[in-house]
Amino acid sequence: MSSRYVLVIGAAGIDTKGYALAPLQAQTSNPGKIKSSSGGVARNIAENLARLGEDVCLLSAVGEDASGRRILSRLAEAGVDTSRLLVSSEYRTASYIALYDEHKSLIHSIDDMSALAGISPQLIYRQRGLIHKAAMVGIDSNLSVAVIKSIVKQAAAKNVPVAADPTSTTLAEKLIPWLKNLFMITPNAAEAEVLCGQRVKTQGQAVKAAKKLVNMGVEMAVITLAEKGVVYATTDTNGHIPALSANVVDITGASDAMSAAIMFGLLNDFPLDEAVRLGAGAAFLTLQTEDSVVKNLSLDSLYDI
């Protein structure tokens, strides 16, 4: 690992997605297509960053099973440092199952993140040197409240910026006590409503929400609005990046790609507007693949859009 690296902490698992080929019928089998791939918000962010050329270390936990070996293999191929990734027979590798209707809209999803019990505040303390020396730390909200607190505390000790992905509406509220300690947060509209307590349905409402998050202490708030694009705000500026028209194959991982590309842009001194455009481009490419991360993602591919 080089002297400059990004540390990403959170979930690594297997995503299994079922796509119905016709209107879903309850209490019976439905014809469709099933696809599985390596996933987990933190894992996806780490792989995207590595494919963009950053040195990345992932701190997560997987089981001593076939799924865990599959994840390790994919990360190694992408160039992610997995030397701090916990592998244990005490738990099974995390998994996520999603069901989509015939229009590719998400109907239900279930996740099993019990493996993250291996990431404890005690572990974070033992790995504090890894946090202190990082150029940036990325986290997802699959982590426990106590672990998030420990990460924020250790990052603050050395002024290391922390970028947080709220992950879901049910997990987003974990970040509320720590908004003032976050460098960047990247919610979608529904997650932003949980974080700031106000309606986020339009572009204008999203801008107001992003500004409110900044007023609550976040240095940079980025809110994704699906086909309406992305809005962002800092204490100095705010803006909107229109969405690119994509042939959507799968939405899984698109927001993770956006977060990673924005982090990449900011780490490499891109202007804020340009960094967010890179994020929108990475999401655009990810929407067009069945995989959770685009294997040939690169800075050139983002500028070729």
C-alpha atoms as a PDB file:
ATOM      1  CA  MET A   1       0.000   0.000   0.000  1.00  0.00           C
ATOM      2  CA  SER A   2       1.354   3.441  -0.938  1.00  0.00           C
ATOM      3  CA  SER A   3       1.742   6.415   1.377  1.00  0.00           C
ATOM      4  CA  ARG A   4      -1.590   7.776   0.086  1.00  0.00           C
ATOM      5  CA  TYR A   5      -4.558   5.486   0.276  1.00  0.00           C
ATOM      6  CA  VAL A   6      -8.300   5.503   0.863  1.00  0.00           C
ATOM      7  CA  LEU A   7      -9.690   3.340   3.645  1.00  0.00           C
ATOM      8  CA  VAL A   8     -13.229   2.030   3.126  1.00  0.00           C
ATOM      9  CA  ILE A   9     -15.079   0.393   6.014  1.00  0.00           C
ATOM     10  CA  GLY A  10     -18.384  -1.458   5.798  1.00  0.00           C
ATOM     11  CA  ALA A  11     -20.226  -4.278   4.074  1.00  0.00           C
ATOM     12  CA  ALA A  12     -18.897  -6.821   1.598  1.00  0.00           C
ATOM     13  CA  GLY A  13     -21.291  -9.503   0.399  1.00  0.00           C
ATOM     14  CA  ILE A  14     -22.996 -11.233  -2.473  1.00  0.00           C
ATOM     15  CA  ASP A  15     -25.857  -9.523  -4.315  1.00  0.00           C
ATOM     16  CA  THR A  16     -28.533 -11.811  -5.751  1.00  0.00           C
ATOM     17  CA  LYS A  17     -31.104 -10.146  -7.970  1.00  0.00           C
ATOM     18  CA  GLY A  18     -34.272 -11.625  -9.434  1.00  0.00           C
ATOM     19  CA  TYR A  19     -35.938  -9.936 -12.413  1.00  0.00           C
ATOM     20  CA  ALA A  20     -39.531 -10.866 -13.249  1.00  0.00           C
ATOM     21  CA  LEU A  21     -40.338 -11.290 -16.938  1.00  0.00           C
ATOM     22  CA  ALA A  22     -44.069 -10.708 -16.413  1.00  0.00           C
ATOM     23  CA  PRO A  23     -46.309  -9.104 -13.772  1.00  0.00           C
ATOM     24  CA  LEU A  24     -45.523 -10.669 -10.408  1.00  0.00           C
ATOM     25  CA  GLN A  25     -48.025 -13.110  -8.962  1.00  0.00           C
ATOM     26  CA  ALA A  26     -48.142 -13.583  -5.181  1.00  0.00           C
ATOM     27  CA  GLN A  27     -47.666 -16.953  -3.471  1.00  0.00           C
ATOM     28  CA  THR A  28     -46.336 -18.753  -6.540  1.00  0.00           C
ATOM     29  CA  SER A  29     -43.191 -19.055  -8.626  1.00  0.00           C
ATOM     30  CA  ASN A  30     -42.640 -16.342 -11.229  1.00  0.00           C
ATOM     31  CA  PRO A  31     -40.617 -16.741 -14.434  1.00  0.00           C
ATOM     32  CA  GLY A  32     -37.616 -14.469 -14.570  1.00  0.00           C
ATOM     33  CA  LYS A  33     -33.871 -14.058 -14.592  1.00  0.00           C
ATOM     34  CA  ILE A  34     -31.546 -14.397 -11.577  1.00  0.00           C
ATOM     35  CA  LYS A  35     -28.096 -12.823 -11.366  1.00  0.00           C
ATOM     36  CA  SER A  36     -25.537 -12.787  -8.561  1.00  0.00           C
ATOM     37  CA  SER A  37     -22.395 -10.705  -8.140  1.00  0.00           C
ATOM     38  CA  SER A  38     -20.030  -9.380  -5.500  1.00  0.00           C
ATOM     39  CA  GLY A  39     -21.632  -6.471  -3.673  1.00  0.00           C
ATOM     40  CA  GLY A  40     -21.939  -4.558  -0.434  1.00  0.00           C
ATOM     41  CA  VAL A  41     -21.817  -0.756  -0.380  1.00  0.00           C
ATOM     42  CA  ALA A  42     -18.304  -0.428   1.066  1.00  0.00           C
ATOM     43  CA  ARG A  43     -16.975  -3.223  -1.156  1.00  0.00           C
ATOM     44  CA  ASN A  44     -18.496  -1.588  -4.240  1.00  0.00           C
ATOM     45  CA  ILE A  45     -17.008   1.809  -3.359  1.00  0.00           C
ATOM     46  CA  ALA A  46     -13.601   0.243  -2.753  1.00  0.00           C
ATOM     47  CA  GLU A  47     -13.607  -1.616  -6.075  1.00  0.00           C
ATOM     48  CA  ASN A  48     -14.742   1.466  -8.009  1.00  0.00           C
ATOM     49  CA  LEU A  49     -11.963   3.540  -6.441  1.00  0.00           C
ATOM     50  CA  ALA A  50      -9.370   0.891  -7.251  1.00  0.00           C
ATOM     51  CA  ARG A  51     -10.512   0.657 -10.863  1.00  0.00           C
ATOM     52  CA  LEU A  52     -10.182   4.450 -11.109  1.00  0.00           C
ATOM     53  CA  GLY A  53      -6.558   4.119 -10.001  1.00  0.00           C
ATOM     54  CA  GLU A  54      -6.662   4.863  -6.271  1.00  0.00           C
ATOM     55  CA  ASP A  55      -4.829   2.784  -3.688  1.00  0.00           C
ATOM     56  CA  VAL A  56      -7.636   1.385  -1.547  1.00  0.00           C
ATOM     57  CA  CYS A  57      -7.778  -0.704   1.612  1.00  0.00           C
ATOM     58  CA  LEU A  58     -11.065  -2.380   2.558  1.00  0.00           C
ATOM     59  CA  LEU A  59     -11.858  -3.128   6.184  1.00  0.00           C
ATOM     60  CA  SER A  60     -14.785  -5.548   6.253  1.00  0.00           C
ATOM     61  CA  ALA A  61     -15.656  -9.093   7.317  1.00  0.00           C
ATOM     62  CA  VAL A  62     -16.587 -12.195   5.352  1.00  0.00           C
ATOM     63  CA  GLY A  63     -17.195 -15.807   6.229  1.00  0.00           C
ATOM     64  CA  GLU A  64     -14.811 -18.670   5.601  1.00  0.00           C
ATOM     65  CA  ASP A  65     -17.018 -19.888   2.778  1.00  0.00           C
ATOM     66  CA  ALA A  66     -17.370 -19.920  -1.007  1.00  0.00           C
ATOM     67  CA  SER A  67     -18.994 -16.481  -1.037  1.00  0.00           C
ATOM     68  CA  GLY A  68     -16.134 -15.033   0.990  1.00  0.00           C
ATOM     69  CA  ARG A  69     -13.561 -16.547  -1.372  1.00  0.00           C
ATOM     70  CA  ARG A  70     -15.470 -15.164  -4.348  1.00  0.00           C
ATOM     71  CA  ILE A  71     -15.397 -11.667  -2.875  1.00  0.00           C
ATOM     72  CA  LEU A  72     -11.689 -11.859  -2.066  1.00  0.00           C
ATOM     73  CA  SER A  73     -10.906 -13.020  -5.599  1.00  0.00           C
ATOM     74  CA  ARG A  74     -12.857 -10.162  -7.187  1.00  0.00           C
ATOM     75  CA  LEU A  75     -11.228  -7.580  -4.915  1.00  0.00           C
ATOM     76  CA  ALA A  76      -7.754  -8.931  -5.632  1.00  0.00           C
ATOM     77  CA  GLU A  77      -8.428  -8.768  -9.386  1.00  0.00           C
ATOM     78  CA  ALA A  78      -9.459  -5.119  -9.012  1.00  0.00           C
ATOM     79  CA  GLY A  79      -6.370  -4.255  -6.978  1.00  0.00           C
ATOM     80  CA  VAL A  80      -8.011  -3.628  -3.584  1.00  0.00           C
ATOM     81  CA  ASP A  81      -5.846  -4.246  -0.507  1.00  0.00           C
ATOM     82  CA  THR A  82      -7.665  -6.943   1.504  1.00  0.00           C
ATOM     83  CA  SER A  83      -4.956  -7.487   4.117  1.00  0.00           C
ATOM     84  CA  ARG A  84      -7.211  -6.018   6.848  1.00  0.00           C
ATOM     85  CA  LEU A  85     -10.346  -7.884   5.760  1.00  0.00           C
ATOM     86  CA  LEU A  86     -11.525 -10.335   8.432  1.00  0.00           C
ATOM     87  CA  VAL A  87     -12.201 -13.919   7.358  1.00  0.00           C
ATOM     88  CA  SER A  88     -13.874 -16.070  10.000  1.00  0.00           C
ATOM     89  CA  SER A  89     -15.771 -19.337  10.314  1.00  0.00           C
ATOM     90  CA  GLU A  90     -17.888 -17.763  13.067  1.00  0.00           C
ATOM     91  CA  TYR A  91     -20.280 -16.137  10.599  1.00  0.00           C
ATOM     92  CA  ARG A  92     -21.457 -16.430   7.010  1.00  0.00           C
ATOM     93  CA  THR A  93     -20.612 -13.888   4.334  1.00  0.00           C
ATOM     94  CA  ALA A  94     -23.116 -11.049   4.031  1.00  0.00           C
ATOM     95  CA  SER A  95     -25.784 -11.328   1.351  1.00  0.00           C
ATOM     96  CA  TYR A  96     -28.420  -9.152  -0.282  1.00  0.00           C
ATOM     97  CA  ILE A  97     -31.454 -10.392  -2.225  1.00  0.00           C
ATOM     98  CA  ALA A  98     -33.519  -8.054  -4.387  1.00  0.00           C
ATOM     99  CA  LEU A  99     -36.718  -8.668  -6.351  1.00  0.00           C
ATOM    100  CA  TYR A 100     -37.529  -6.501  -9.361  1.00  0.00           C
ATOM    101  CA  ASP A 101     -40.754  -6.356 -11.342  1.00  0.00           C
ATOM    102  CA  GLU A 102     -41.010  -6.591 -15.124  1.00  0.00           C
ATOM    103  CA  HIS A 103     -40.224  -2.850 -15.369  1.00  0.00           C
ATOM    104  CA  LYS A 104     -36.975  -3.325 -13.391  1.00  0.00           C
ATOM    105  CA  SER A 105     -38.381  -1.444 -10.415  1.00  0.00           C
ATOM    106  CA  LEU A 106     -37.303  -2.712  -6.996  1.00  0.00           C
ATOM    107  CA  ILE A 107     -40.198  -4.398  -5.180  1.00  0.00           C
ATOM    108  CA  HIS A 108     -38.566  -5.947  -2.113  1.00  0.00           C
ATOM    109  CA  SER A 109     -35.081  -6.574  -0.803  1.00  0.00           C
ATOM    110  CA  ILE A 110     -33.599  -8.383   2.179  1.00  0.00           C
ATOM    111  CA  ASP A 111     -30.071  -8.169   3.517  1.00  0.00           C
ATOM    112  CA  ASP A 112     -28.166 -10.320   5.968  1.00  0.00           C
ATOM    113  CA  MET A 113     -25.254  -8.298   7.343  1.00  0.00           C
ATOM    114  CA  SER A 114     -24.591 -10.389  10.463  1.00  0.00           C
ATOM    115  CA  ALA A 115     -20.956 -10.811   9.389  1.00  0.00           C
ATOM    116  CA  LEU A 116     -20.357  -7.177  10.274  1.00  0.00           C
ATOM    117  CA  ALA A 117     -20.531  -8.165  13.923  1.00  0.00           C
ATOM    118  CA  GLY A 118     -16.847  -8.861  13.364  1.00  0.00           C
ATOM    119  CA  ILE A 119     -16.259  -5.114  12.967  1.00  0.00           C
ATOM    120  CA  SER A 120     -16.316  -3.836  16.545  1.00  0.00           C
ATOM    121  CA  PRO A 121     -15.253  -0.599  18.271  1.00  0.00           C
ATOM    122  CA  GLN A 122     -12.352  -2.573  19.733  1.00  0.00           C
ATOM    123  CA  LEU A 123     -11.226  -3.561  16.240  1.00  0.00           C
ATOM    124  CA  ILE A 124     -11.471   0.051  15.080  1.00  0.00           C
ATOM    125  CA  TYR A 125      -9.277   1.118  17.995  1.00  0.00           C
ATOM    126  CA  ARG A 126      -6.692  -1.539  17.136  1.00  0.00           C
ATOM    127  CA  GLN A 127      -6.736  -0.319  13.522  1.00  0.00           C
ATOM    128  CA  ARG A 128      -6.644   3.372  14.434  1.00  0.00           C
ATOM    129  CA  GLY A 129      -3.254   3.837  12.775  1.00  0.00           C
ATOM    130  CA  LEU A 130      -4.797   2.753   9.480  1.00  0.00           C
ATOM    131  CA  ILE A 131      -7.444   5.448   9.887  1.00  0.00           C
ATOM    132  CA  HIS A 132      -4.972   8.129  11.001  1.00  0.00           C
ATOM    133  CA  LYS A 133      -2.781   7.699   7.903  1.00  0.00           C
ATOM    134  CA  ALA A 134      -5.589   7.515   5.315  1.00  0.00           C
ATOM    135  CA  ALA A 135      -6.147  10.304   2.809  1.00  0.00           C
ATOM    136  CA  MET A 136      -9.886   9.736   3.234  1.00  0.00           C
ATOM    137  CA  VAL A 137     -12.158   7.248   4.977  1.00  0.00           C
ATOM    138  CA  GLY A 138     -15.372   5.994   3.400  1.00  0.00           C
ATOM    139  CA  ILE A 139     -18.067   4.271   5.457  1.00  0.00           C
ATOM    140  CA  ASP A 140     -21.512   2.788   4.937  1.00  0.00           C
ATOM    141  CA  SER A 141     -24.347   2.668   7.435  1.00  0.00           C
ATOM    142  CA  ASN A 142     -24.409  -1.106   7.681  1.00  0.00           C
ATOM    143  CA  LEU A 143     -21.908  -0.550  10.503  1.00  0.00           C
ATOM    144  CA  SER A 144     -23.198  -0.359  14.049  1.00  0.00           C
ATOM    145  CA  VAL A 145     -23.744   2.981  15.779  1.00  0.00           C
ATOM    146  CA  ALA A 146     -20.854   2.229  18.139  1.00  0.00           C
ATOM    147  CA  VAL A 147     -18.491   1.445  15.267  1.00  0.00           C
ATOM    148  CA  ILE A 148     -19.471   4.596  13.365  1.00  0.00           C
ATOM    149  CA  LYS A 149     -18.782   6.597  16.519  1.00  0.00           C
ATOM    150  CA  SER A 150     -15.353   5.000  16.890  1.00  0.00           C
ATOM    151  CA  ILE A 151     -14.416   5.648  13.246  1.00  0.00           C
ATOM    152  CA  VAL A 152     -15.504   9.283  13.425  1.00  0.00           C
ATOM    153  CA  LYS A 153     -13.566   9.771  16.661  1.00  0.00           C
ATOM    154  CA  GLN A 154     -10.351   8.289  15.265  1.00  0.00           C
ATOM    155  CA  ALA A 155     -10.635  10.199  11.980  1.00  0.00           C
ATOM    156  CA  ALA A 156     -11.227  13.472  13.816  1.00  0.00           C
ATOM    157  CA  ALA A 157      -8.074  12.924  15.883  1.00  0.00           C
ATOM    158  CA  LYS A 158      -5.955  13.372  12.742  1.00  0.00           C
ATOM    159  CA  ASN A 159      -8.347  15.532  10.672  1.00  0.00           C
ATOM    160  CA  VAL A 160      -8.985  12.711   8.192  1.00  0.00           C
ATOM    161  CA  PRO A 161     -12.059  13.453   6.044  1.00  0.00           C
ATOM    162  CA  VAL A 162     -14.918  10.938   6.290  1.00  0.00           C
ATOM    163  CA  ALA A 163     -17.345  10.290   3.430  1.00  0.00           C
ATOM    164  CA  ALA A 164     -20.525   8.446   4.402  1.00  0.00           C
ATOM    165  CA  ASP A 165     -23.119   6.561   2.374  1.00  0.00           C
ATOM    166  CA  PRO A 166     -26.468   6.354   4.256  1.00  0.00           C
ATOM    167  CA  THR A 167     -27.141   2.990   2.517  1.00  0.00           C
ATOM    168  CA  SER A 168     -30.927   2.865   3.090  1.00  0.00           C
ATOM    169  CA  THR A 169     -33.779   4.787   4.691  1.00  0.00           C
ATOM    170  CA  THR A 170     -33.769   2.406   7.663  1.00  0.00           C
ATOM    171  CA  LEU A 171     -30.026   2.865   8.282  1.00  0.00           C
ATOM    172  CA  ALA A 172     -29.577   6.542   7.410  1.00  0.00           C
ATOM    173  CA  GLU A 173     -30.562   7.855  10.837  1.00  0.00           C
ATOM    174  CA  LYS A 174     -27.422   6.287  12.329  1.00  0.00           C
ATOM    175  CA  LEU A 175     -25.462   9.151  10.752  1.00  0.00           C
ATOM    176  CA  ILE A 176     -27.519  12.015  12.190  1.00  0.00           C
ATOM    177  CA  PRO A 177     -25.468  12.434  15.405  1.00  0.00           C
ATOM    178  CA  TRP A 178     -22.262  12.637  13.353  1.00  0.00           C
ATOM    179  CA  LEU A 179     -23.233  14.959  10.516  1.00  0.00           C
ATOM    180  CA  LYS A 180     -21.008  17.703  11.911  1.00  0.00           C
ATOM    181  CA  ASN A 181     -18.051  15.311  11.665  1.00  0.00           C
ATOM    182  CA  LEU A 182     -18.591  14.270   8.047  1.00  0.00           C
ATOM    183  CA  PHE A 183     -16.766  15.653   5.053  1.00  0.00           C
ATOM    184  CA  MET A 184     -19.290  14.301   2.555  1.00  0.00           C
ATOM    185  CA  ILE A 185     -22.611  12.485   2.592  1.00  0.00           C
ATOM    186  CA  THR A 186     -24.345  10.998  -0.466  1.00  0.00           C
ATOM    187  CA  PRO A 187     -28.009  10.151   0.203  1.00  0.00           C
ATOM    188  CA  ASN A 188     -30.744   9.551  -2.317  1.00  0.00           C
ATOM    189  CA  ALA A 189     -33.927  11.595  -1.972  1.00  0.00           C
ATOM    190  CA  ALA A 190     -35.624   9.232   0.503  1.00  0.00           C
ATOM    191  CA  GLU A 191     -32.505   8.994   2.670  1.00  0.00           C
ATOM    192  CA  ALA A 192     -32.124  12.777   2.589  1.00  0.00           C
ATOM    193  CA  GLU A 193     -35.673  13.118   3.956  1.00  0.00           C
ATOM    194  CA  VAL A 194     -34.676  10.930   6.927  1.00  0.00           C
ATOM    195  CA  LEU A 195     -31.480  12.889   7.534  1.00  0.00           C
ATOM    196  CA  CYS A 196     -32.844  16.413   7.358  1.00  0.00           C
ATOM    197  CA  GLY A 197     -36.512  15.882   8.214  1.00  0.00           C
ATOM    198  CA  GLN A 198     -38.027  17.612   5.211  1.00  0.00           C
ATOM    199  CA  ARG A 199     -39.673  16.660   1.931  1.00  0.00           C
ATOM    200  CA  VAL A 200     -37.346  15.885  -0.995  1.00  0.00           C
ATOM    201  CA  LYS A 201     -39.381  15.271  -4.139  1.00  0.00           C
ATOM    202  CA  THR A 202     -38.236  17.996  -6.544  1.00  0.00           C
ATOM    203  CA  GLN A 203     -34.916  19.465  -7.596  1.00  0.00           C
ATOM    204  CA  GLY A 204     -35.622  22.624  -5.641  1.00  0.00           C
ATOM    205  CA  GLN A 205     -36.485  20.669  -2.494  1.00  0.00           C
ATOM    206  CA  ALA A 206     -33.309  18.630  -2.922  1.00  0.00           C
ATOM    207  CA  VAL A 207     -31.175  21.768  -3.099  1.00  0.00           C
ATOM    208  CA  LYS A 208     -32.814  23.035   0.101  1.00  0.00           C
ATOM    209  CA  ALA A 209     -32.191  19.678   1.761  1.00  0.00           C
ATOM    210  CA  ALA A 210     -28.534  19.660   0.680  1.00  0.00           C
ATOM    211  CA  LYS A 211     -28.103  23.170   2.090  1.00  0.00           C
ATOM    212  CA  LYS A 212     -29.758  22.094   5.329  1.00  0.00           C
ATOM    213  CA  LEU A 213     -27.371  19.149   5.656  1.00  0.00           C
ATOM    214  CA  VAL A 214     -24.487  21.572   5.239  1.00  0.00           C
ATOM    215  CA  ASN A 215     -26.007  23.806   7.909  1.00  0.00           C
ATOM    216  CA  MET A 216     -26.180  20.720  10.128  1.00  0.00           C
ATOM    217  CA  GLY A 217     -22.414  20.361   9.790  1.00  0.00           C
ATOM    218  CA  VAL A 218     -21.605  18.290   6.686  1.00  0.00           C
ATOM    219  CA  GLU A 219     -18.985  19.962   4.493  1.00  0.00           C
ATOM    220  CA  MET A 220     -20.478  18.608   1.277  1.00  0.00           C
ATOM    221  CA  ALA A 221     -23.919  17.093   0.647  1.00  0.00           C
ATOM    222  CA  VAL A 222     -24.724  15.265  -2.607  1.00  0.00           C
ATOM    223  CA  ILE A 223     -28.307  14.099  -3.170  1.00  0.00           C
ATOM    224  CA  THR A 224     -29.170  11.753  -6.026  1.00  0.00           C
ATOM    225  CA  LEU A 225     -32.554  12.159  -7.689  1.00  0.00           C
ATOM    226  CA  ALA A 226     -32.555   9.251 -10.168  1.00  0.00           C
ATOM    227  CA  GLU A 227     -33.711  10.520 -13.563  1.00  0.00           C
ATOM    228  CA  LYS A 228     -33.716  14.108 -12.239  1.00  0.00           C
ATOM    229  CA  GLY A 229     -29.963  14.085 -11.771  1.00  0.00           C
ATOM    230  CA  VAL A 230     -27.801  15.057  -8.812  1.00  0.00           C
ATOM    231  CA  VAL A 231     -27.723  18.150  -6.613  1.00  0.00           C
ATOM    232  CA  TYR A 232     -24.897  19.208  -4.319  1.00  0.00           C
ATOM    233  CA  ALA A 233     -24.127  21.904  -1.795  1.00  0.00           C
ATOM    234  CA  THR A 234     -21.245  23.209   0.298  1.00  0.00           C
ATOM    235  CA  THR A 235     -20.993  26.339   2.439  1.00  0.00           C
ATOM    236  CA  ASP A 236     -19.789  28.230  -0.645  1.00  0.00           C
ATOM    237  CA  THR A 237     -21.836  26.896  -3.524  1.00  0.00           C
ATOM    238  CA  ASN A 238     -24.535  24.555  -4.763  1.00  0.00           C
ATOM    239  CA  GLY A 239     -25.473  23.093  -8.120  1.00  0.00           C
ATOM    240  CA  HIS A 240     -27.322  20.531 -10.195  1.00  0.00           C
ATOM    241  CA  ILE A 241     -25.969  17.958 -12.649  1.00  0.00           C
ATOM    242  CA  PRO A 242     -28.626  16.604 -15.040  1.00  0.00           C
ATOM    243  CA  ALA A 243     -28.934  12.840 -15.354  1.00  0.00           C
ATOM    244  CA  LEU A 244     -27.672  11.176 -18.512  1.00  0.00           C
ATOM    245  CA  SER A 245     -30.267   9.137 -20.373  1.00  0.00           C
ATOM    246  CA  ALA A 246     -29.346   5.496 -19.711  1.00  0.00           C
ATOM    247  CA  ASN A 247     -30.654   2.160 -20.889  1.00  0.00           C
ATOM    248  CA  VAL A 248     -31.147   0.908 -17.328  1.00  0.00           C
ATOM    249  CA  VAL A 249     -30.216  -2.734 -16.850  1.00  0.00           C
ATOM    250  CA  ASP A 250     -29.818  -2.720 -13.061  1.00  0.00           C
ATOM    251  CA  ILE A 251     -29.761   0.072 -10.472  1.00  0.00           C
ATOM    252  CA  THR A 252     -27.685  -1.890  -7.937  1.00  0.00           C
ATOM    253  CA  GLY A 253     -24.346  -0.230  -7.275  1.00  0.00           C
ATOM    254  CA  ALA A 254     -25.010   2.965  -9.227  1.00  0.00           C
ATOM    255  CA  SER A 255     -25.012   5.215  -6.156  1.00  0.00           C
ATOM    256  CA  ASP A 256     -21.865   3.483  -4.858  1.00  0.00           C
ATOM    257  CA  ALA A 257     -20.118   4.206  -8.153  1.00  0.00           C
ATOM    258  CA  MET A 258     -21.176   7.839  -7.892  1.00  0.00           C
ATOM    259  CA  SER A 259     -19.813   8.155  -4.362  1.00  0.00           C
ATOM    260  CA  ALA A 260     -16.510   6.561  -5.363  1.00  0.00           C
ATOM    261  CA  ALA A 261     -16.028   8.737  -8.438  1.00  0.00           C
ATOM    262  CA  ILE A 262     -16.752  11.926  -6.481  1.00  0.00           C
ATOM    263  CA  MET A 263     -14.258  10.846  -3.818  1.00  0.00           C
ATOM    264  CA  PHE A 264     -11.729  10.151  -6.569  1.00  0.00           C
ATOM    265  CA  GLY A 265     -12.285  13.571  -8.103  1.00  0.00           C
ATOM    266  CA  LEU A 266     -11.899  15.426  -4.811  1.00  0.00           C
ATOM    267  CA  LEU A 267      -8.801  13.430  -3.841  1.00  0.00           C
ATOM    268  CA  ASN A 268      -7.233  14.402  -7.153  1.00  0.00           C
ATOM    269  CA  ASP A 269      -8.091  18.107  -6.865  1.00  0.00           C
ATOM    270  CA  PHE A 270     -10.797  18.196  -9.514  1.00  0.00           C
ATOM    271  CA  PRO A 271     -13.119  21.213  -9.222  1.00  0.00           C
ATOM    272  CA  LEU A 272     -16.238  20.323  -7.229  1.00  0.00           C
ATOM    273  CA  ASP A 273     -18.579  20.554 -10.220  1.00  0.00           C
ATOM    274  CA  GLU A 274     -16.275  18.305 -12.242  1.00  0.00           C
ATOM    275  CA  ALA A 275     -16.020  15.753  -9.423  1.00  0.00           C
ATOM    276  CA  VAL A 276     -19.821  15.505  -9.226  1.00  0.00           C
ATOM    277  CA  ARG A 277     -19.981  15.118 -13.006  1.00  0.00           C
ATOM    278  CA  LEU A 278     -17.549  12.213 -12.736  1.00  0.00           C
ATOM    279  CA  GLY A 279     -19.885  10.717 -10.147  1.00  0.00           C
ATOM    280  CA  ALA A 280     -22.891  11.097 -12.427  1.00  0.00           C
ATOM    281  CA  GLY A 281     -20.917   9.479 -15.241  1.00  0.00           C
ATOM    282  CA  ALA A 282     -19.895   6.509 -13.097  1.00  0.00           C
ATOM    283  CA  ALA A 283     -23.515   5.973 -12.053  1.00  0.00           C
ATOM    284  CA  PHE A 284     -24.591   6.184 -15.723  1.00  0.00           C
ATOM    285  CA  LEU A 285     -22.161   3.428 -16.729  1.00  0.00           C
ATOM    286  CA  THR A 286     -23.116   1.218 -13.779  1.00  0.00           C
ATOM    287  CA  LEU A 287     -26.831   1.460 -14.569  1.00  0.00           C
ATOM    288  CA  GLN A 288     -26.100  -0.204 -17.914  1.00  0.00           C
ATOM    289  CA  THR A 289     -24.534  -3.372 -16.535  1.00  0.00           C
ATOM    290  CA  GLU A 290     -25.876  -6.342 -14.575  1.00  0.00           C
ATOM    291  CA  ASP A 291     -22.786  -6.259 -12.371  1.00  0.00           C
ATOM    292  CA  SER A 292     -22.589  -4.084  -9.248  1.00  0.00           C
ATOM    293  CA  VAL A 293     -19.332  -2.506 -10.466  1.00  0.00           C
ATOM    294  CA  VAL A 294     -18.239  -1.796 -14.048  1.00  0.00           C
ATOM    295  CA  LYS A 295     -15.153  -3.930 -14.619  1.00  0.00           C
ATOM    296  CA  ASN A 296     -13.603  -1.585 -17.189  1.00  0.00           C
ATOM    297  CA  LEU A 297     -14.289   1.598 -15.225  1.00  0.00           C
ATOM    298  CA  SER A 298     -11.549   4.194 -15.717  1.00  0.00           C
ATOM    299  CA  LEU A 299     -11.162   7.934 -15.887  1.00  0.00           C
ATOM    300  CA  ASP A 300     -10.999   7.655 -19.671  1.00  0.00           C
ATOM    301  CA  SER A 301     -14.302   5.768 -19.753  1.00  0.00           C
ATOM    302  CA  LEU A 302     -15.939   8.563 -17.751  1.00  0.00           C
ATOM    303  CA  TYR A 303     -14.729  11.199 -20.186  1.00  0.00           C
ATOM    304  CA  ASP A 304     -15.772   9.097 -23.185  1.00  0.00           C
ATOM    305  CA  ILE A 305     -19.459   9.288 -22.205  1.00  0.00           C
END
